[in-house]
C-alpha cells in the first residue's frame, strides 16, 4: 500500500464484508427479497477483489518498474 497502513484497509474491508453478508441474510430471509440481496452480495464481495487486484498491480509495479 502506498503511504498507508494496509492492515487498516483490510480490517475495514473485512468489517464491511461481514455487514454485507448480514444484510444479505436479512433481506433474503426476513424480507424475501432475493434479487436485490444477491446484487448486494456480489457488489460487496467485489470490493475485496478490487483491493487484492490493486495490491497485485502495486507489487508488480515495484518489482518490474
C-alpha atoms as a PDB file:
ATOM      1  CA  UNK A   1       0.000   0.000   0.000  1.00  0.00           C
ATOM      2  CA  UNK A   2       1.401   3.380  -0.933  1.00  0.00           C
ATOM      3  CA  UNK A   3       1.948   5.598   2.097  1.00  0.00           C
ATOM      4  CA  UNK A   4      -0.695   3.910   4.204  1.00  0.00           C
ATOM      5  CA  UNK A   5      -1.336   1.079   6.536  1.00  0.00           C
ATOM      6  CA  UNK A   6      -2.623  -1.929   4.607  1.00  0.00           C
ATOM      7  CA  UNK A   7      -3.825  -3.607   7.791  1.00  0.00           C
ATOM      8  CA  UNK A   8      -6.383  -0.838   8.376  1.00  0.00           C
ATOM      9  CA  UNK A   9      -7.694  -1.204   4.840  1.00  0.00           C
ATOM     10  CA  UNK A  10      -8.069  -4.964   5.189  1.00  0.00           C
ATOM     11  CA  UNK A  11      -9.776  -4.648   8.565  1.00  0.00           C
ATOM     12  CA  UNK A  12     -12.280  -2.129   7.210  1.00  0.00           C
ATOM     13  CA  UNK A  13     -12.911  -4.222   4.095  1.00  0.00           C
ATOM     14  CA  UNK A  14     -13.467  -7.316   6.244  1.00  0.00           C
ATOM     15  CA  UNK A  15     -15.864  -5.471   8.560  1.00  0.00           C
ATOM     16  CA  UNK A  16     -17.754  -4.157   5.544  1.00  0.00           C
ATOM     17  CA  UNK A  17     -17.926  -7.665   4.082  1.00  0.00           C
ATOM     18  CA  UNK A  18     -19.379  -9.023   7.304  1.00  0.00           C
ATOM     19  CA  UNK A  19     -22.054  -6.310   7.319  1.00  0.00           C
ATOM     20  CA  UNK A  20     -22.886  -7.048   3.681  1.00  0.00           C
ATOM     21  CA  UNK A  21     -23.386 -10.725   4.500  1.00  0.00           C
ATOM     22  CA  UNK A  22     -25.646  -9.812   7.433  1.00  0.00           C
ATOM     23  CA  UNK A  23     -27.666  -7.505   5.196  1.00  0.00           C
ATOM     24  CA  UNK A  24     -27.894 -10.252   2.566  1.00  0.00           C
ATOM     25  CA  UNK A  25     -29.177 -12.736   5.127  1.00  0.00           C
ATOM     26  CA  UNK A  26     -31.692 -10.244   6.482  1.00  0.00           C
ATOM     27  CA  UNK A  27     -33.016  -9.303   3.056  1.00  0.00           C
ATOM     28  CA  UNK A  28     -33.269 -12.854   1.787  1.00  0.00           C
ATOM     29  CA  UNK A  29     -34.667 -14.497   4.937  1.00  0.00           C
ATOM     30  CA  UNK A  30     -36.754 -11.812   6.611  1.00  0.00           C
ATOM     31  CA  UNK A  31     -37.903  -9.670   3.704  1.00  0.00           C
ATOM     32  CA  UNK A  32     -37.847 -12.352   0.982  1.00  0.00           C
ATOM     33  CA  UNK A  33     -36.012 -10.005  -1.357  1.00  0.00           C
ATOM     34  CA  UNK A  34     -33.769 -12.228  -3.469  1.00  0.00           C
ATOM     35  CA  UNK A  35     -32.717 -10.151  -6.477  1.00  0.00           C
ATOM     36  CA  UNK A  36     -31.565  -7.105  -4.512  1.00  0.00           C
ATOM     37  CA  UNK A  37     -29.856  -9.219  -1.857  1.00  0.00           C
ATOM     38  CA  UNK A  38     -27.848 -11.192  -4.433  1.00  0.00           C
ATOM     39  CA  UNK A  39     -26.737  -7.989  -6.150  1.00  0.00           C
ATOM     40  CA  UNK A  40     -25.707  -6.508  -2.796  1.00  0.00           C
ATOM     41  CA  UNK A  41     -23.680  -9.614  -2.019  1.00  0.00           C
ATOM     42  CA  UNK A  42     -21.931  -9.512  -5.410  1.00  0.00           C
ATOM     43  CA  UNK A  43     -21.076  -5.827  -5.095  1.00  0.00           C
ATOM     44  CA  UNK A  44     -19.872  -6.183  -1.523  1.00  0.00           C
ATOM     45  CA  UNK A  45     -17.600  -9.075  -2.444  1.00  0.00           C
ATOM     46  CA  UNK A  46     -16.126  -7.189  -5.383  1.00  0.00           C
ATOM     47  CA  UNK A  47     -14.564  -4.645  -3.021  1.00  0.00           C
ATOM     48  CA  UNK A  48     -12.252  -7.315  -1.597  1.00  0.00           C
ATOM     49  CA  UNK A  49     -11.392  -8.492  -5.109  1.00  0.00           C
ATOM     50  CA  UNK A  50     -10.554  -4.943  -6.185  1.00  0.00           C
ATOM     51  CA  UNK A  51      -8.278  -4.449  -3.172  1.00  0.00           C
ATOM     52  CA  UNK A  52      -6.457  -7.695  -3.931  1.00  0.00           C
ATOM     53  CA  UNK A  53      -6.083  -6.757  -7.595  1.00  0.00           C
ATOM     54  CA  UNK A  54      -4.731  -3.315  -6.720  1.00  0.00           C
ATOM     55  CA  UNK A  55      -2.182  -4.793  -4.334  1.00  0.00           C
ATOM     56  CA  UNK A  56      -1.085  -7.267  -7.009  1.00  0.00           C
ATOM     57  CA  UNK A  57      -0.628  -4.455  -9.531  1.00  0.00           C
ATOM     58  CA  UNK A  58       1.324  -2.403  -6.994  1.00  0.00           C
ATOM     59  CA  UNK A  59       3.538  -5.384  -6.225  1.00  0.00           C
ATOM     60  CA  UNK A  60       4.258  -5.975  -9.935  1.00  0.00           C
ATOM     61  CA  UNK A  61       4.965  -2.279 -10.409  1.00  0.00           C
ATOM     62  CA  UNK A  62       7.542  -2.285  -7.619  1.00  0.00           C
ATOM     63  CA  UNK A  63       9.299  -5.379  -8.968  1.00  0.00           C
ATOM     64  CA  UNK A  64       9.307  -4.589 -12.681  1.00  0.00           C
ATOM     65  CA  UNK A  65       9.111  -0.807 -12.597  1.00  0.00           C
END
